[in-house]
PDB file of N, CA and C in Angstrom:
ATOM      1  N   MET A   1     -11.395-110.114  20.325  1.00  0.00           N
ATOM      2  CA  MET A   1     -12.245-110.819  18.874  1.00  0.00           C
ATOM      3  C   MET A   1     -11.656-108.913  19.001  1.00  0.00           C
ATOM      4  N   LYS A   2     -11.439-108.370  17.628  1.00  0.00           N
ATOM      5  CA  LYS A   2     -10.781-107.044  17.512  1.00  0.00           C
ATOM      6  C   LYS A   2     -12.740-106.415  17.495  1.00  0.00           C
ATOM      7  N   LYS A   3     -12.221-104.843  17.881  1.00  0.00           N
ATOM      8  CA  LYS A   3     -12.744-104.028  17.719  1.00  0.00           C
ATOM      9  C   LYS A   3     -12.729-102.816  17.041  1.00  0.00           C
ATOM     10  N   ILE A   4     -14.208-102.960  15.733  1.00  0.00           N
ATOM     11  CA  ILE A   4     -13.886-101.492  14.894  1.00  0.00           C
ATOM     12  C   ILE A   4     -14.111-101.335  14.495  1.00  0.00           C
ATOM     13  N   ASP A   5     -14.484-100.079  14.941  1.00  0.00           N
ATOM     14  CA  ASP A   5     -14.336 -98.208  15.655  1.00  0.00           C
ATOM     15  C   ASP A   5     -14.521 -97.307  13.768  1.00  0.00           C
ATOM     16  N   LYS A   6     -16.326 -97.491  13.436  1.00  0.00           N
ATOM     17  CA  LYS A   6     -17.048 -96.634  12.456  1.00  0.00           C
ATOM     18  C   LYS A   6     -17.873 -96.318  12.921  1.00  0.00           C
ATOM     19  N   LYS A   7     -17.255 -94.899  12.307  1.00  0.00           N
ATOM     20  CA  LYS A   7     -17.347 -93.708  12.206  1.00  0.00           C
ATOM     21  C   LYS A   7     -18.424 -93.107  10.850  1.00  0.00           C
ATOM     22  N   PRO A   8     -19.398 -93.179  11.397  1.00  0.00           N
ATOM     23  CA  PRO A   8     -20.525 -92.741  10.503  1.00  0.00           C
ATOM     24  C   PRO A   8     -20.324 -92.215   9.244  1.00  0.00           C
ATOM     25  N   THR A   9     -20.319 -92.462   8.140  1.00  0.00           N
ATOM     26  CA  THR A   9     -20.024 -91.825   6.598  1.00  0.00           C
ATOM     27  C   THR A   9     -20.945 -90.824   6.457  1.00  0.00           C
ATOM     28  N   VAL A  10     -20.750 -89.535   5.661  1.00  0.00           N
ATOM     29  CA  VAL A  10     -21.947 -88.631   4.834  1.00  0.00           C
ATOM     30  C   VAL A  10     -20.727 -88.452   3.820  1.00  0.00           C
ATOM     31  N   SER A  11     -21.578 -88.042   3.002  1.00  0.00           N
ATOM     32  CA  SER A  11     -22.030 -88.087   1.009  1.00  0.00           C
ATOM     33  C   SER A  11     -21.516 -87.230   0.962  1.00  0.00           C
ATOM     34  N   SER A  12     -20.716 -87.223  -0.265  1.00  0.00           N
ATOM     35  CA  SER A  12     -20.330 -85.229  -0.692  1.00  0.00           C
ATOM     36  C   SER A  12     -21.981 -85.067  -0.705  1.00  0.00           C
ATOM     37  N   GLU A  13     -23.158 -85.256  -1.293  1.00  0.00           N
ATOM     38  CA  GLU A  13     -24.425 -84.320  -0.924  1.00  0.00           C
ATOM     39  C   GLU A  13     -24.627 -84.036  -0.319  1.00  0.00           C
ATOM     40  N   GLU A  14     -24.832 -84.722   1.223  1.00  0.00           N
ATOM     41  CA  GLU A  14     -25.045 -84.235   2.405  1.00  0.00           C
ATOM     42  C   GLU A  14     -23.808 -83.304   2.540  1.00  0.00           C
ATOM     43  N   ILE A  15     -22.840 -83.663   2.168  1.00  0.00           N
ATOM     44  CA  ILE A  15     -21.345 -82.090   2.618  1.00  0.00           C
ATOM     45  C   ILE A  15     -22.369 -80.871   1.868  1.00  0.00           C
ATOM     46  N   ARG A  16     -22.471 -80.998   0.228  1.00  0.00           N
ATOM     47  CA  ARG A  16     -22.685 -80.258  -0.136  1.00  0.00           C
ATOM     48  C   ARG A  16     -23.663 -79.414   0.689  1.00  0.00           C
ATOM     49  N   GLN A  17     -25.083 -80.150   0.609  1.00  0.00           N
ATOM     50  CA  GLN A  17     -26.568 -79.534   1.488  1.00  0.00           C
ATOM     51  C   GLN A  17     -25.708 -78.307   2.719  1.00  0.00           C
ATOM     52  N   LEU A  18     -24.834 -79.513   3.347  1.00  0.00           N
ATOM     53  CA  LEU A  18     -24.802 -78.746   5.011  1.00  0.00           C
ATOM     54  C   LEU A  18     -24.225 -77.508   4.687  1.00  0.00           C
ATOM     55  N   VAL A  19     -23.156 -77.802   3.721  1.00  0.00           N
ATOM     56  CA  VAL A  19     -22.335 -76.165   2.972  1.00  0.00           C
ATOM     57  C   VAL A  19     -24.020 -75.509   2.267  1.00  0.00           C
ATOM     58  N   VAL A  20     -24.344 -75.226   2.047  1.00  0.00           N
ATOM     59  CA  VAL A  20     -25.356 -74.412   0.839  1.00  0.00           C
ATOM     60  C   VAL A  20     -26.185 -73.794   1.650  1.00  0.00           C
ATOM     61  N   ALA A  21     -26.615 -74.220   3.099  1.00  0.00           N
ATOM     62  CA  ALA A  21     -27.104 -74.400   4.012  1.00  0.00           C
ATOM     63  C   ALA A  21     -26.644 -73.542   5.651  1.00  0.00           C
ATOM     64  N   ARG A  22     -25.437 -73.547   5.503  1.00  0.00           N
ATOM     65  CA  ARG A  22     -24.768 -73.309   6.383  1.00  0.00           C
ATOM     66  C   ARG A  22     -24.846 -71.253   5.543  1.00  0.00           C
ATOM     67  N   LEU A  23     -24.451 -71.195   4.323  1.00  0.00           N
ATOM     68  CA  LEU A  23     -24.792 -70.385   3.282  1.00  0.00           C
ATOM     69  C   LEU A  23     -25.317 -69.593   3.065  1.00  0.00           C
ATOM     70  N   ARG A  24     -27.494 -69.684   3.397  1.00  0.00           N
ATOM     71  CA  ARG A  24     -28.355 -69.799   3.810  1.00  0.00           C
ATOM     72  C   ARG A  24     -27.864 -69.327   4.937  1.00  0.00           C
ATOM     73  N   SER A  25     -27.155 -68.510   5.882  1.00  0.00           N
ATOM     74  CA  SER A  25     -27.446 -68.245   7.344  1.00  0.00           C
ATOM     75  C   SER A  25     -26.712 -67.012   7.467  1.00  0.00           C
ATOM     76  N   PHE A  26     -26.036 -66.258   5.853  1.00  0.00           N
ATOM     77  CA  PHE A  26     -25.167 -65.552   5.576  1.00  0.00           C
ATOM     78  C   PHE A  26     -26.466 -64.461   5.317  1.00  0.00           C
ATOM     79  N   PRO A  27     -25.293 -62.720   6.130  1.00  0.00           N
ATOM     80  CA  PRO A  27     -26.457 -61.905   5.491  1.00  0.00           C
ATOM     81  C   PRO A  27     -26.397 -61.255   4.048  1.00  0.00           C
ATOM     82  N   SER A  28     -27.873 -61.087   3.824  1.00  0.00           N
ATOM     83  CA  SER A  28     -28.367 -60.999   2.213  1.00  0.00           C
ATOM     84  C   SER A  28     -27.512 -59.079   2.471  1.00  0.00           C
ATOM     85  N   GLY A  29     -26.427 -58.800   0.594  1.00  0.00           N
ATOM     86  CA  GLY A  29     -26.820 -58.052   0.641  1.00  0.00           C
ATOM     87  C   GLY A  29     -25.390 -57.321   0.578  1.00  0.00           C
ATOM     88  N   LYS A  30     -24.033 -58.996   1.598  1.00  0.00           N
ATOM     89  CA  LYS A  30     -22.894 -58.649   2.460  1.00  0.00           C
ATOM     90  C   LYS A  30     -22.375 -59.551   0.776  1.00  0.00           C
ATOM     91  N   LYS A  31     -20.368 -59.472   0.336  1.00  0.00           N
ATOM     92  CA  LYS A  31     -20.022 -60.304  -0.404  1.00  0.00           C
ATOM     93  C   LYS A  31     -18.726 -60.370   0.076  1.00  0.00           C
ATOM     94  N   LEU A  32     -18.990 -62.315  -0.152  1.00  0.00           N
ATOM     95  CA  LEU A  32     -16.942 -62.727   0.300  1.00  0.00           C
ATOM     96  C   LEU A  32     -16.533 -61.843  -0.280  1.00  0.00           C
ATOM     97  N   SER A  33     -14.981 -62.233   0.186  1.00  0.00           N
ATOM     98  CA  SER A  33     -13.668 -61.978  -0.709  1.00  0.00           C
ATOM     99  C   SER A  33     -13.159 -63.813  -0.251  1.00  0.00           C
ATOM    100  N   ILE A  34     -13.138 -64.404  -2.263  1.00  0.00           N
ATOM    101  CA  ILE A  34     -12.432 -65.365  -1.695  1.00  0.00           C
ATOM    102  C   ILE A  34     -10.721 -65.128  -2.445  1.00  0.00           C
ATOM    103  N   GLY A  35      -9.920 -64.391  -1.784  1.00  0.00           N
ATOM    104  CA  GLY A  35      -8.225 -63.999  -2.784  1.00  0.00           C
ATOM    105  C   GLY A  35      -8.564 -63.492  -3.721  1.00  0.00           C
ATOM    106  N   SER A  36      -7.378 -64.191  -4.669  1.00  0.00           N
ATOM    107  CA  SER A  36      -7.658 -63.418  -6.164  1.00  0.00           C
ATOM    108  C   SER A  36      -8.814 -63.941  -7.248  1.00  0.00           C
ATOM    109  N   ASP A  37      -9.432 -64.400  -6.435  1.00  0.00           N
ATOM    110  CA  ASP A  37     -10.587 -65.084  -7.128  1.00  0.00           C
ATOM    111  C   ASP A  37     -12.318 -64.150  -7.162  1.00  0.00           C
ATOM    112  N   GLY A  38     -11.962 -62.538  -6.735  1.00  0.00           N
ATOM    113  CA  GLY A  38     -13.481 -61.800  -6.221  1.00  0.00           C
ATOM    114  C   GLY A  38     -14.121 -61.990  -5.372  1.00  0.00           C
ATOM    115  N   GLU A  39     -14.794 -61.320  -5.490  1.00  0.00           N
ATOM    116  CA  GLU A  39     -16.145 -61.096  -4.034  1.00  0.00           C
ATOM    117  C   GLU A  39     -17.313 -61.587  -5.246  1.00  0.00           C
ATOM    118  N   PHE A  40     -17.720 -62.293  -3.994  1.00  0.00           N
ATOM    119  CA  PHE A  40     -19.248 -63.344  -4.173  1.00  0.00           C
ATOM    120  C   PHE A  40     -20.456 -63.073  -3.020  1.00  0.00           C
ATOM    121  N   SER A  41     -21.749 -62.746  -3.836  1.00  0.00           N
ATOM    122  CA  SER A  41     -22.606 -62.858  -3.310  1.00  0.00           C
ATOM    123  C   SER A  41     -23.236 -63.948  -1.891  1.00  0.00           C
ATOM    124  N   LYS A  42     -23.887 -64.054  -1.394  1.00  0.00           N
ATOM    125  CA  LYS A  42     -24.408 -65.123  -0.909  1.00  0.00           C
ATOM    126  C   LYS A  42     -24.520 -66.286  -2.161  1.00  0.00           C
ATOM    127  N   ASP A  43     -25.866 -65.858  -2.786  1.00  0.00           N
ATOM    128  CA  ASP A  43     -26.687 -66.555  -3.483  1.00  0.00           C
ATOM    129  C   ASP A  43     -25.483 -66.978  -5.028  1.00  0.00           C
ATOM    130  N   GLU A  44     -24.684 -66.270  -4.984  1.00  0.00           N
ATOM    131  CA  GLU A  44     -23.205 -66.925  -6.149  1.00  0.00           C
ATOM    132  C   GLU A  44     -22.678 -67.528  -5.908  1.00  0.00           C
ATOM    133  N   LEU A  45     -22.314 -67.780  -4.664  1.00  0.00           N
ATOM    134  CA  LEU A  45     -21.559 -68.699  -3.646  1.00  0.00           C
ATOM    135  C   LEU A  45     -23.076 -70.053  -3.806  1.00  0.00           C
ATOM    136  N   ILE A  46     -23.452 -69.707  -3.494  1.00  0.00           N
ATOM    137  CA  ILE A  46     -24.627 -71.263  -3.304  1.00  0.00           C
ATOM    138  C   ILE A  46     -24.516 -72.048  -4.391  1.00  0.00           C
ATOM    139  N   ALA A  47     -24.832 -70.551  -5.758  1.00  0.00           N
ATOM    140  CA  ALA A  47     -24.904 -71.493  -7.200  1.00  0.00           C
ATOM    141  C   ALA A  47     -24.023 -72.125  -7.953  1.00  0.00           C
ATOM    142  N   ARG A  48     -22.648 -71.334  -7.193  1.00  0.00           N
ATOM    143  CA  ARG A  48     -20.681 -72.411  -7.086  1.00  0.00           C
ATOM    144  C   ARG A  48     -21.333 -73.575  -6.386  1.00  0.00           C
ATOM    145  N   VAL A  49     -21.685 -73.766  -5.064  1.00  0.00           N
ATOM    146  CA  VAL A  49     -21.459 -74.878  -4.662  1.00  0.00           C
ATOM    147  C   VAL A  49     -22.370 -75.762  -5.074  1.00  0.00           C
ATOM    148  N   ASN A  50     -23.983 -75.459  -5.563  1.00  0.00           N
ATOM    149  CA  ASN A  50     -24.209 -76.908  -5.859  1.00  0.00           C
ATOM    150  C   ASN A  50     -23.621 -76.586  -7.845  1.00  0.00           C
ATOM    151  N   GLU A  51     -23.252 -75.880  -7.956  1.00  0.00           N
ATOM    152  CA  GLU A  51     -22.475 -76.163  -9.687  1.00  0.00           C
ATOM    153  C   GLU A  51     -21.000 -77.379  -9.723  1.00  0.00           C
ATOM    154  N   GLY A  52     -20.426 -77.338  -8.539  1.00  0.00           N
ATOM    155  CA  GLY A  52     -19.371 -77.952  -8.008  1.00  0.00           C
ATOM    156  C   GLY A  52     -18.240 -77.671  -8.975  1.00  0.00           C
ATOM    157  N   ASP A  53     -18.577 -76.126  -8.602  1.00  0.00           N
ATOM    158  CA  ASP A  53     -17.154 -75.533  -9.887  1.00  0.00           C
ATOM    159  C   ASP A  53     -15.529 -75.773  -8.661  1.00  0.00           C
ATOM    160  N   SER A  54     -14.714 -75.343  -9.246  1.00  0.00           N
ATOM    161  CA  SER A  54     -13.213 -74.927  -8.533  1.00  0.00           C
ATOM    162  C   SER A  54     -14.081 -74.200  -7.640  1.00  0.00           C
ATOM    163  N   ILE A  55     -14.284 -72.396  -7.580  1.00  0.00           N
ATOM    164  CA  ILE A  55     -14.830 -71.524  -6.129  1.00  0.00           C
ATOM    165  C   ILE A  55     -15.842 -72.415  -4.902  1.00  0.00           C
ATOM    166  N   GLY A  56     -16.672 -73.271  -5.994  1.00  0.00           N
ATOM    167  CA  GLY A  56     -17.689 -73.618  -4.873  1.00  0.00           C
ATOM    168  C   GLY A  56     -16.783 -75.071  -4.661  1.00  0.00           C
ATOM    169  N   LYS A  57     -15.857 -75.451  -4.786  1.00  0.00           N
ATOM    170  CA  LYS A  57     -15.066 -76.872  -4.065  1.00  0.00           C
ATOM    171  C   LYS A  57     -13.978 -75.979  -3.047  1.00  0.00           C
ATOM    172  N   LYS A  58     -13.513 -74.640  -3.464  1.00  0.00           N
ATOM    173  CA  LYS A  58     -12.783 -74.142  -2.500  1.00  0.00           C
ATOM    174  C   LYS A  58     -14.086 -73.552  -1.151  1.00  0.00           C
ATOM    175  N   ILE A  59     -15.549 -73.847  -1.335  1.00  0.00           N
ATOM    176  CA  ILE A  59     -16.429 -72.855  -0.136  1.00  0.00           C
ATOM    177  C   ILE A  59     -16.279 -74.386   0.133  1.00  0.00           C
ATOM    178  N   ILE A  60     -16.730 -74.883  -0.110  1.00  0.00           N
ATOM    179  CA  ILE A  60     -16.712 -76.616   0.860  1.00  0.00           C
ATOM    180  C   ILE A  60     -15.628 -76.731   1.713  1.00  0.00           C
ATOM    181  N   GLU A  61     -14.296 -77.117   0.994  1.00  0.00           N
ATOM    182  CA  GLU A  61     -12.961 -77.194   1.822  1.00  0.00           C
ATOM    183  C   GLU A  61     -12.842 -75.587   2.806  1.00  0.00           C
ATOM    184  N   ILE A  62     -13.549 -74.044   3.168  1.00  0.00           N
ATOM    185  CA  ILE A  62     -13.561 -73.724   3.696  1.00  0.00           C
ATOM    186  C   ILE A  62     -14.182 -74.159   4.847  1.00  0.00           C
ATOM    187  N   GLN A  63     -15.457 -73.854   4.463  1.00  0.00           N
ATOM    188  CA  GLN A  63     -16.608 -74.388   5.185  1.00  0.00           C
ATOM    189  C   GLN A  63     -16.416 -75.523   6.031  1.00  0.00           C
ATOM    190  N   LEU A  64     -16.062 -76.845   6.225  1.00  0.00           N
ATOM    191  CA  LEU A  64     -15.819 -77.870   6.135  1.00  0.00           C
ATOM    192  C   LEU A  64     -13.932 -77.665   7.588  1.00  0.00           C
ATOM    193  N   SER A  65     -13.378 -76.920   6.834  1.00  0.00           N
ATOM    194  CA  SER A  65     -12.334 -76.512   7.742  1.00  0.00           C
ATOM    195  C   SER A  65     -12.489 -75.685   9.132  1.00  0.00           C
ATOM    196  N   TYR A  66     -13.598 -75.482   8.743  1.00  0.00           N
ATOM    197  CA  TYR A  66     -13.975 -73.918   9.899  1.00  0.00           C
ATOM    198  C   TYR A  66     -14.829 -75.303  10.652  1.00  0.00           C
ATOM    199  N   LEU A  67     -15.845 -75.773  10.085  1.00  0.00           N
ATOM    200  CA  LEU A  67     -16.538 -76.923  11.636  1.00  0.00           C
ATOM    201  C   LEU A  67     -15.518 -78.020  11.745  1.00  0.00           C
ATOM    202  N   ARG A  68     -14.427 -78.236  11.051  1.00  0.00           N
ATOM    203  CA  ARG A  68     -12.950 -79.278  12.465  1.00  0.00           C
ATOM    204  C   ARG A  68     -12.725 -78.542  13.089  1.00  0.00           C
ATOM    205  N   SER A  69     -12.583 -77.446  13.455  1.00  0.00           N
ATOM    206  CA  SER A  69     -11.627 -76.995  14.179  1.00  0.00           C
ATOM    207  C   SER A  69     -12.566 -76.417  15.380  1.00  0.00           C
ATOM    208  N   PHE A  70     -14.164 -75.903  14.616  1.00  0.00           N
ATOM    209  CA  PHE A  70     -14.550 -75.775  15.974  1.00  0.00           C
ATOM    210  C   PHE A  70     -15.152 -76.674  16.489  1.00  0.00           C
ATOM    211  N   LYS A  71     -14.764 -78.169  15.734  1.00  0.00           N
ATOM    212  CA  LYS A  71     -15.450 -78.891  16.838  1.00  0.00           C
ATOM    213  C   LYS A  71     -14.222 -79.398  17.573  1.00  0.00           C
ATOM    214  N   GLU A  72     -13.202 -79.376  17.318  1.00  0.00           N
ATOM    215  CA  GLU A  72     -11.344 -79.327  17.505  1.00  0.00           C
ATOM    216  C   GLU A  72     -12.094 -78.676  19.313  1.00  0.00           C
ATOM    217  N   ASP A  73     -12.464 -77.063  19.240  1.00  0.00           N
ATOM    218  CA  ASP A  73     -12.213 -76.431  20.173  1.00  0.00           C
ATOM    219  C   ASP A  73     -13.630 -76.918  21.267  1.00  0.00           C
ATOM    220  N   THR A  74     -14.049 -77.337  20.283  1.00  0.00           N
ATOM    221  CA  THR A  74     -15.469 -77.168  21.722  1.00  0.00           C
ATOM    222  C   THR A  74     -15.361 -78.363  22.346  1.00  0.00           C
ATOM    223  N   SER A  75     -14.071 -79.099  21.362  1.00  0.00           N
ATOM    224  CA  SER A  75     -13.964 -80.325  22.412  1.00  0.00           C
ATOM    225  C   SER A  75     -13.351 -80.685  23.242  1.00  0.00           C
ATOM    226  N   SER A  76     -11.705 -80.212  23.305  1.00  0.00           N
ATOM    227  CA  SER A  76     -10.866 -79.265  24.184  1.00  0.00           C
ATOM    228  C   SER A  76     -11.831 -78.548  25.592  1.00  0.00           C
ATOM    229  N   TRP A  77     -12.492 -77.715  25.177  1.00  0.00           N
ATOM    230  CA  TRP A  77     -13.200 -77.024  25.641  1.00  0.00           C
ATOM    231  C   TRP A  77     -14.134 -77.517  26.768  1.00  0.00           C
ATOM    232  N   LEU A  78     -14.967 -78.857  25.657  1.00  0.00           N
ATOM    233  CA  LEU A  78     -15.501 -79.816  27.259  1.00  0.00           C
ATOM    234  C   LEU A  78     -15.279 -80.674  28.086  1.00  0.00           C
ATOM    235  N   GLU A  79     -13.606 -80.921  27.995  1.00  0.00           N
ATOM    236  CA  GLU A  79     -12.145 -81.829  28.228  1.00  0.00           C
ATOM    237  C   GLU A  79     -12.183 -80.998  29.444  1.00  0.00           C
ATOM    238  N   ALA A  80     -11.931 -79.716  29.398  1.00  0.00           N
ATOM    239  CA  ALA A  80     -12.023 -79.456  30.464  1.00  0.00           C
ATOM    240  C   ALA A  80     -11.965 -78.652  32.337  1.00  0.00           C
TER     241      ALA A  80
END
């Protein structure tokens, strides 16, 4: 019998909530520069993620990329 690996699926809403939670942990009063798109406060970034505009999507991509690399680094460290 063929074994099927089922990876847990995560909805786009759950990803959005995760990114918003991570953004809430950023220090207040600081701004984050997003290349040529400008500087954004924590509250502006949260609003953009919730709106789902191009900046919000870019922030989600950045956060997911960070989390994936963190997972890979942690996995290799634990295997050593």
